[in-house]
Structures are given as C-alpha cells and as structure tokens.
Amino acid sequence: MRGLRLVYHLGAAAMVLAVTAPARAELRISDLDVFLNDHEVTVHVVLLGVLPAGLSEGIQSGIPAHIRLDIELWQYQRMLPDRLLVTKTVERTLAYNVVTREFKVAALKGETRLVHTTRDLRDAQRVLSDIRGVKITPAADLDQNAVIYVRVNATTALNGENTFVARMNGMAEQTTRQSDYRTIQRIQ
C-alpha cells in the first residue's frame, strides 16, 4: 500500500497514523555505458520496466506513453560543486492503434530514427527502452585533464504527464543513475 495507512486499535480505542514507504519503482536503468573515443562522447542506455503495470491499461486503450531521458555530462571539481557541462534530452513515445492493433514507437526529440511499427508489445518495449549512440559532445571541447561523469534521469509517463500525483497513482515512474568517473587522457 502506498502513502498513509490508518490503523485502528479497538482495545485501547487509539488511532495510529503510520507512514509506509512507497512501493519500489519498476523503472530501472540497467546499463549505462559512456564511450570516450577520439571524436565524441557517446552514451548507451538500456531501461528495464519501461512500461509499468499501471500504464498497460491506458496504452491498450490508445493513450500514448512517453519516455524522457535527460543525459547530463558533469565535470568533477575537487573542493567545489561539480560543474554541468552539457545536457541532452531524448524523448520517445509509444502509441497503440486500437483499430490496426499495432504499436508505434517514434522519436520525438534528441535523435533521428525511423518510426518502428509492430504488433508485439515486447518488441515495442525493446525498441522503446534501448537508447544507443547518443552523441553528447565532441571530445575536443573537453579539458584533457578533467574528470567527467554522466548522470541520466529517466522518466516514463502516460500521456507525458509526470507529476507527483501521477507517480503516486502509478501512472508515471522516474529513476536516476550515474556513471563511473572518467578522464579524457589515455592512461598507459
């Protein structure tokens, strides 16, 4: 049970208000890979639980589900707050056509990819949750001695509505993951 729970004790006629922890979010970032090659900083992200159980009824009735990833490149600074270098947003949507019984995954922002159409929900979830080859910034723009890391904030919501109330009702989920610290210089 999420939220507040009211417990009545009949013997002492006392009422106890207990706060229970909300259920664990189903949305998880399984893989977060950061690649530093000679040309660009590239990120690969794989999400698990991209369509929680609370969203399935809405999707089957034709309400689209949105996924949004805010990918942030940070520079670690000793004795100072870390500095945000670049933010990149990737958005995708999953829509179900009740007439043709097809799922359509489309990129809305941050990437250019063809629309993927399928009749299999698992295939649509796979395409929706696998974000590969997101180019963050050219490696030449970064300080060669800097220590950097990537933080990813992922949200999924029915009809794109990601509010506190929607998350409490199970109609939206969000999670965050941070990569390991990296340097641009090659260590030999």
C-alpha atoms as a PDB file:
ATOM      1  CA  MET A   1       0.000   0.000   0.000  1.00  0.00           C
ATOM      2  CA  ARG A   2       1.350   3.419  -0.876  1.00  0.00           C
ATOM      3  CA  GLY A   3       1.081   6.583   1.124  1.00  0.00           C
ATOM      4  CA  LEU A   4      -0.581   6.779   4.525  1.00  0.00           C
ATOM      5  CA  ARG A   5      -2.227   3.913   6.364  1.00  0.00           C
ATOM      6  CA  LEU A   6      -4.716   4.287   9.198  1.00  0.00           C
ATOM      7  CA  VAL A   7      -4.608   1.592  11.875  1.00  0.00           C
ATOM      8  CA  TYR A   8      -7.382   1.231  14.462  1.00  0.00           C
ATOM      9  CA  HIS A   9      -6.690  -0.470  17.764  1.00  0.00           C
ATOM     10  CA  LEU A  10     -10.012  -1.484  19.278  1.00  0.00           C
ATOM     11  CA  GLY A  11      -8.786  -2.427  22.759  1.00  0.00           C
ATOM     12  CA  ALA A  12      -7.341   0.972  23.694  1.00  0.00           C
ATOM     13  CA  ALA A  13      -9.546   2.923  21.266  1.00  0.00           C
ATOM     14  CA  ALA A  14      -6.398   4.548  19.922  1.00  0.00           C
ATOM     15  CA  MET A  15      -5.755   5.535  16.361  1.00  0.00           C
ATOM     16  CA  VAL A  16      -2.232   5.298  14.979  1.00  0.00           C
ATOM     17  CA  LEU A  17      -1.146   7.025  11.800  1.00  0.00           C
ATOM     18  CA  ALA A  18       1.746   5.171  10.174  1.00  0.00           C
ATOM     19  CA  VAL A  19       3.681   6.243   7.134  1.00  0.00           C
ATOM     20  CA  THR A  20       4.564   3.398   4.807  1.00  0.00           C
ATOM     21  CA  ALA A  21       7.286   3.577   2.240  1.00  0.00           C
ATOM     22  CA  PRO A  22       6.042   3.813  -1.330  1.00  0.00           C
ATOM     23  CA  ALA A  23       6.406   0.731  -3.478  1.00  0.00           C
ATOM     24  CA  ARG A  24       9.741   0.428  -5.251  1.00  0.00           C
ATOM     25  CA  ALA A  25       9.729   1.975  -8.689  1.00  0.00           C
ATOM     26  CA  GLU A  26       9.724  -0.536 -11.507  1.00  0.00           C
ATOM     27  CA  LEU A  27      11.645   1.682 -13.918  1.00  0.00           C
ATOM     28  CA  ARG A  28      15.379   0.961 -13.705  1.00  0.00           C
ATOM     29  CA  ILE A  29      18.430   1.890 -15.728  1.00  0.00           C
ATOM     30  CA  SER A  30      20.058  -1.453 -16.398  1.00  0.00           C
ATOM     31  CA  ASP A  31      23.055  -0.446 -18.483  1.00  0.00           C
ATOM     32  CA  LEU A  32      24.713   2.934 -18.668  1.00  0.00           C
ATOM     33  CA  ASP A  33      27.775   2.936 -20.891  1.00  0.00           C
ATOM     34  CA  VAL A  34      29.872   6.009 -21.650  1.00  0.00           C
ATOM     35  CA  PHE A  35      32.323   5.804 -24.523  1.00  0.00           C
ATOM     36  CA  LEU A  36      35.138   8.284 -24.961  1.00  0.00           C
ATOM     37  CA  ASN A  37      36.735   7.938 -28.347  1.00  0.00           C
ATOM     38  CA  ASP A  38      38.914  10.392 -30.255  1.00  0.00           C
ATOM     39  CA  HIS A  39      35.935  12.265 -31.669  1.00  0.00           C
ATOM     40  CA  GLU A  40      32.888  12.258 -29.370  1.00  0.00           C
ATOM     41  CA  VAL A  41      31.460  11.314 -26.017  1.00  0.00           C
ATOM     42  CA  THR A  42      28.745   8.729 -26.699  1.00  0.00           C
ATOM     43  CA  VAL A  43      26.200   7.242 -24.280  1.00  0.00           C
ATOM     44  CA  HIS A  44      24.232   3.971 -24.422  1.00  0.00           C
ATOM     45  CA  VAL A  45      21.325   3.425 -22.011  1.00  0.00           C
ATOM     46  CA  VAL A  46      19.107   0.373 -21.512  1.00  0.00           C
ATOM     47  CA  LEU A  47      15.989   0.709 -19.363  1.00  0.00           C
ATOM     48  CA  LEU A  48      14.104  -2.056 -17.583  1.00  0.00           C
ATOM     49  CA  GLY A  49      10.461  -1.791 -16.595  1.00  0.00           C
ATOM     50  CA  VAL A  50       9.875   0.989 -19.096  1.00  0.00           C
ATOM     51  CA  LEU A  51       6.121   0.253 -19.102  1.00  0.00           C
ATOM     52  CA  PRO A  52       4.963  -0.328 -15.508  1.00  0.00           C
ATOM     53  CA  ALA A  53       1.807  -2.322 -14.855  1.00  0.00           C
ATOM     54  CA  GLY A  54      -0.174   0.865 -14.158  1.00  0.00           C
ATOM     55  CA  LEU A  55       0.381   2.082 -17.715  1.00  0.00           C
ATOM     56  CA  SER A  56      -0.679  -1.058 -19.600  1.00  0.00           C
ATOM     57  CA  GLU A  57      -4.444  -0.441 -19.413  1.00  0.00           C
ATOM     58  CA  GLY A  58      -4.052   3.137 -20.644  1.00  0.00           C
ATOM     59  CA  ILE A  59      -1.786   2.085 -23.520  1.00  0.00           C
ATOM     60  CA  GLN A  60      -4.196  -0.653 -24.619  1.00  0.00           C
ATOM     61  CA  SER A  61      -6.974   1.956 -24.772  1.00  0.00           C
ATOM     62  CA  GLY A  62      -4.932   4.195 -27.079  1.00  0.00           C
ATOM     63  CA  ILE A  63      -3.320   6.691 -24.665  1.00  0.00           C
ATOM     64  CA  PRO A  64       0.354   7.131 -25.652  1.00  0.00           C
ATOM     65  CA  ALA A  65       3.212   6.507 -23.220  1.00  0.00           C
ATOM     66  CA  HIS A  66       6.194   8.853 -23.232  1.00  0.00           C
ATOM     67  CA  ILE A  67       9.735   8.214 -22.119  1.00  0.00           C
ATOM     68  CA  ARG A  68      12.195  11.024 -21.483  1.00  0.00           C
ATOM     69  CA  LEU A  69      15.904  10.787 -20.745  1.00  0.00           C
ATOM     70  CA  ASP A  70      17.853  13.798 -19.551  1.00  0.00           C
ATOM     71  CA  ILE A  71      21.515  12.925 -20.101  1.00  0.00           C
ATOM     72  CA  GLU A  72      23.878  15.272 -18.293  1.00  0.00           C
ATOM     73  CA  LEU A  73      27.658  15.458 -18.681  1.00  0.00           C
ATOM     74  CA  TRP A  74      29.288  16.662 -15.443  1.00  0.00           C
ATOM     75  CA  GLN A  75      32.840  17.655 -14.585  1.00  0.00           C
ATOM     76  CA  TYR A  76      34.116  16.686 -11.156  1.00  0.00           C
ATOM     77  CA  GLN A  77      35.833  19.563  -9.344  1.00  0.00           C
ATOM     78  CA  ARG A  78      37.760  18.936  -6.192  1.00  0.00           C
ATOM     79  CA  MET A  79      36.628  21.064  -3.224  1.00  0.00           C
ATOM     80  CA  LEU A  80      33.949  22.759  -5.382  1.00  0.00           C
ATOM     81  CA  PRO A  81      30.492  21.758  -6.581  1.00  0.00           C
ATOM     82  CA  ASP A  82      30.587  19.690  -9.772  1.00  0.00           C
ATOM     83  CA  ARG A  83      30.034  21.638 -12.984  1.00  0.00           C
ATOM     84  CA  LEU A  84      27.332  20.753 -15.506  1.00  0.00           C
ATOM     85  CA  LEU A  85      28.868  20.810 -18.993  1.00  0.00           C
ATOM     86  CA  VAL A  86      26.179  19.575 -21.392  1.00  0.00           C
ATOM     87  CA  THR A  87      22.579  18.396 -21.183  1.00  0.00           C
ATOM     88  CA  LYS A  88      20.951  16.323 -23.900  1.00  0.00           C
ATOM     89  CA  THR A  89      17.294  15.258 -23.893  1.00  0.00           C
ATOM     90  CA  VAL A  90      15.962  12.177 -25.678  1.00  0.00           C
ATOM     91  CA  GLU A  91      12.207  11.609 -25.899  1.00  0.00           C
ATOM     92  CA  ARG A  92      10.283   8.700 -27.381  1.00  0.00           C
ATOM     93  CA  THR A  93       6.630   7.778 -27.480  1.00  0.00           C
ATOM     94  CA  LEU A  94       4.733   4.507 -27.701  1.00  0.00           C
ATOM     95  CA  ALA A  95       1.267   4.670 -29.206  1.00  0.00           C
ATOM     96  CA  TYR A  96      -1.204   1.844 -29.752  1.00  0.00           C
ATOM     97  CA  ASN A  97      -3.680   1.967 -32.602  1.00  0.00           C
ATOM     98  CA  VAL A  98      -6.792   0.100 -31.443  1.00  0.00           C
ATOM     99  CA  VAL A  99      -8.097  -0.292 -34.990  1.00  0.00           C
ATOM    100  CA  THR A 100      -5.000  -1.842 -36.597  1.00  0.00           C
ATOM    101  CA  ARG A 101      -3.751  -3.353 -33.289  1.00  0.00           C
ATOM    102  CA  GLU A 102      -0.251  -2.041 -33.883  1.00  0.00           C
ATOM    103  CA  PHE A 103       2.244  -0.406 -31.562  1.00  0.00           C
ATOM    104  CA  LYS A 104       4.235   2.512 -32.922  1.00  0.00           C
ATOM    105  CA  VAL A 105       7.486   3.736 -31.336  1.00  0.00           C
ATOM    106  CA  ALA A 106       8.600   7.165 -32.534  1.00  0.00           C
ATOM    107  CA  ALA A 107      11.417   9.515 -31.587  1.00  0.00           C
ATOM    108  CA  LEU A 108      10.157  12.935 -30.522  1.00  0.00           C
ATOM    109  CA  LYS A 109      13.333  14.771 -29.541  1.00  0.00           C
ATOM    110  CA  GLY A 110      17.077  14.306 -29.405  1.00  0.00           C
ATOM    111  CA  GLU A 111      17.515  11.625 -32.028  1.00  0.00           C
ATOM    112  CA  THR A 112      16.612  10.847 -35.600  1.00  0.00           C
ATOM    113  CA  ARG A 113      15.304   7.367 -36.158  1.00  0.00           C
ATOM    114  CA  LEU A 114      12.610   5.781 -38.219  1.00  0.00           C
ATOM    115  CA  VAL A 115       9.220   5.008 -36.711  1.00  0.00           C
ATOM    116  CA  HIS A 116       9.110   1.370 -35.581  1.00  0.00           C
ATOM    117  CA  THR A 117       5.747  -0.370 -36.030  1.00  0.00           C
ATOM    118  CA  THR A 118       4.972  -3.814 -34.598  1.00  0.00           C
ATOM    119  CA  ARG A 119       2.079  -5.913 -33.336  1.00  0.00           C
ATOM    120  CA  ASP A 120       4.119  -7.371 -30.472  1.00  0.00           C
ATOM    121  CA  LEU A 121       4.190  -5.402 -27.211  1.00  0.00           C
ATOM    122  CA  ARG A 122       7.506  -6.962 -26.139  1.00  0.00           C
ATOM    123  CA  ASP A 123       9.148  -5.835 -29.368  1.00  0.00           C
ATOM    124  CA  ALA A 124       7.781  -2.320 -28.861  1.00  0.00           C
ATOM    125  CA  GLN A 125       9.127  -2.280 -25.280  1.00  0.00           C
ATOM    126  CA  ARG A 126      12.547  -3.427 -26.504  1.00  0.00           C
ATOM    127  CA  VAL A 127      12.748  -0.623 -29.064  1.00  0.00           C
ATOM    128  CA  LEU A 128      11.427   1.938 -26.578  1.00  0.00           C
ATOM    129  CA  SER A 129      13.917   1.022 -23.852  1.00  0.00           C
ATOM    130  CA  ASP A 130      17.149   0.677 -25.851  1.00  0.00           C
ATOM    131  CA  ILE A 131      18.762   4.080 -26.419  1.00  0.00           C
ATOM    132  CA  ARG A 132      22.055   3.732 -28.259  1.00  0.00           C
ATOM    133  CA  GLY A 133      24.588   6.071 -29.768  1.00  0.00           C
ATOM    134  CA  VAL A 134      23.517   9.366 -28.191  1.00  0.00           C
ATOM    135  CA  LYS A 135      26.302  11.794 -29.024  1.00  0.00           C
ATOM    136  CA  ILE A 136      26.798  14.224 -26.166  1.00  0.00           C
ATOM    137  CA  THR A 137      29.698  16.464 -27.176  1.00  0.00           C
ATOM    138  CA  PRO A 138      32.891  16.405 -29.212  1.00  0.00           C
ATOM    139  CA  ALA A 139      35.824  15.168 -27.136  1.00  0.00           C
ATOM    140  CA  ALA A 140      37.917  18.104 -28.360  1.00  0.00           C
ATOM    141  CA  ASP A 141      35.614  20.502 -26.450  1.00  0.00           C
ATOM    142  CA  LEU A 142      36.537  18.920 -23.108  1.00  0.00           C
ATOM    143  CA  ASP A 143      39.578  19.610 -20.958  1.00  0.00           C
ATOM    144  CA  GLN A 144      42.069  16.751 -21.377  1.00  0.00           C
ATOM    145  CA  ASN A 145      42.767  16.634 -17.613  1.00  0.00           C
ATOM    146  CA  ALA A 146      39.139  16.845 -16.499  1.00  0.00           C
ATOM    147  CA  VAL A 147      37.394  14.077 -14.594  1.00  0.00           C
ATOM    148  CA  ILE A 148      33.917  13.656 -16.041  1.00  0.00           C
ATOM    149  CA  TYR A 149      30.840  11.518 -15.438  1.00  0.00           C
ATOM    150  CA  VAL A 150      27.357  11.128 -16.901  1.00  0.00           C
ATOM    151  CA  ARG A 151      24.101  11.288 -14.963  1.00  0.00           C
ATOM    152  CA  VAL A 152      20.883  10.015 -16.564  1.00  0.00           C
ATOM    153  CA  ASN A 153      17.406  10.935 -15.326  1.00  0.00           C
ATOM    154  CA  ALA A 154      14.745   8.694 -16.897  1.00  0.00           C
ATOM    155  CA  THR A 155      11.001   9.245 -16.654  1.00  0.00           C
ATOM    156  CA  THR A 156       8.125   7.351 -18.186  1.00  0.00           C
ATOM    157  CA  ALA A 157       4.552   8.558 -18.056  1.00  0.00           C
ATOM    158  CA  LEU A 158       1.164   8.015 -19.595  1.00  0.00           C
ATOM    159  CA  ASN A 159       0.377  10.849 -21.999  1.00  0.00           C
ATOM    160  CA  GLY A 160       3.589  12.611 -20.920  1.00  0.00           C
ATOM    161  CA  GLU A 161       2.155  13.703 -17.554  1.00  0.00           C
ATOM    162  CA  ASN A 162       4.935  13.232 -14.997  1.00  0.00           C
ATOM    163  CA  THR A 163       3.705  14.869 -11.810  1.00  0.00           C
ATOM    164  CA  PHE A 164       3.876  13.881  -8.157  1.00  0.00           C
ATOM    165  CA  VAL A 165       0.230  12.793  -8.241  1.00  0.00           C
ATOM    166  CA  ALA A 166       0.773  10.707 -11.398  1.00  0.00           C
ATOM    167  CA  ARG A 167       3.768   8.971  -9.782  1.00  0.00           C
ATOM    168  CA  MET A 168       1.763   8.217  -6.623  1.00  0.00           C
ATOM    169  CA  ASN A 169      -1.056   6.746  -8.738  1.00  0.00           C
ATOM    170  CA  GLY A 170       1.354   4.524 -10.666  1.00  0.00           C
ATOM    171  CA  MET A 171       0.840   6.390 -13.956  1.00  0.00           C
ATOM    172  CA  ALA A 172       4.439   7.659 -14.051  1.00  0.00           C
ATOM    173  CA  GLU A 173       7.851   6.454 -12.906  1.00  0.00           C
ATOM    174  CA  GLN A 174      11.254   8.073 -12.670  1.00  0.00           C
ATOM    175  CA  THR A 175      14.787   6.976 -11.816  1.00  0.00           C
ATOM    176  CA  THR A 176      18.351   8.284 -11.886  1.00  0.00           C
ATOM    177  CA  ARG A 177      21.730   6.644 -12.433  1.00  0.00           C
ATOM    178  CA  GLN A 178      25.261   7.962 -12.551  1.00  0.00           C
ATOM    179  CA  SER A 179      28.218   6.530 -14.455  1.00  0.00           C
ATOM    180  CA  ASP A 180      31.732   5.953 -13.187  1.00  0.00           C
ATOM    181  CA  TYR A 181      34.232   8.778 -13.226  1.00  0.00           C
ATOM    182  CA  ARG A 182      36.311   9.016 -16.412  1.00  0.00           C
ATOM    183  CA  THR A 183      39.186  11.047 -17.789  1.00  0.00           C
ATOM    184  CA  ILE A 184      39.837  12.073 -21.368  1.00  0.00           C
ATOM    185  CA  GLN A 185      43.559  11.329 -21.231  1.00  0.00           C
ATOM    186  CA  ARG A 186      44.623   7.812 -22.051  1.00  0.00           C
ATOM    187  CA  ILE A 187      46.391   6.075 -19.213  1.00  0.00           C
ATOM    188  CA  GLN A 188      49.226   3.815 -20.318  1.00  0.00           C
END
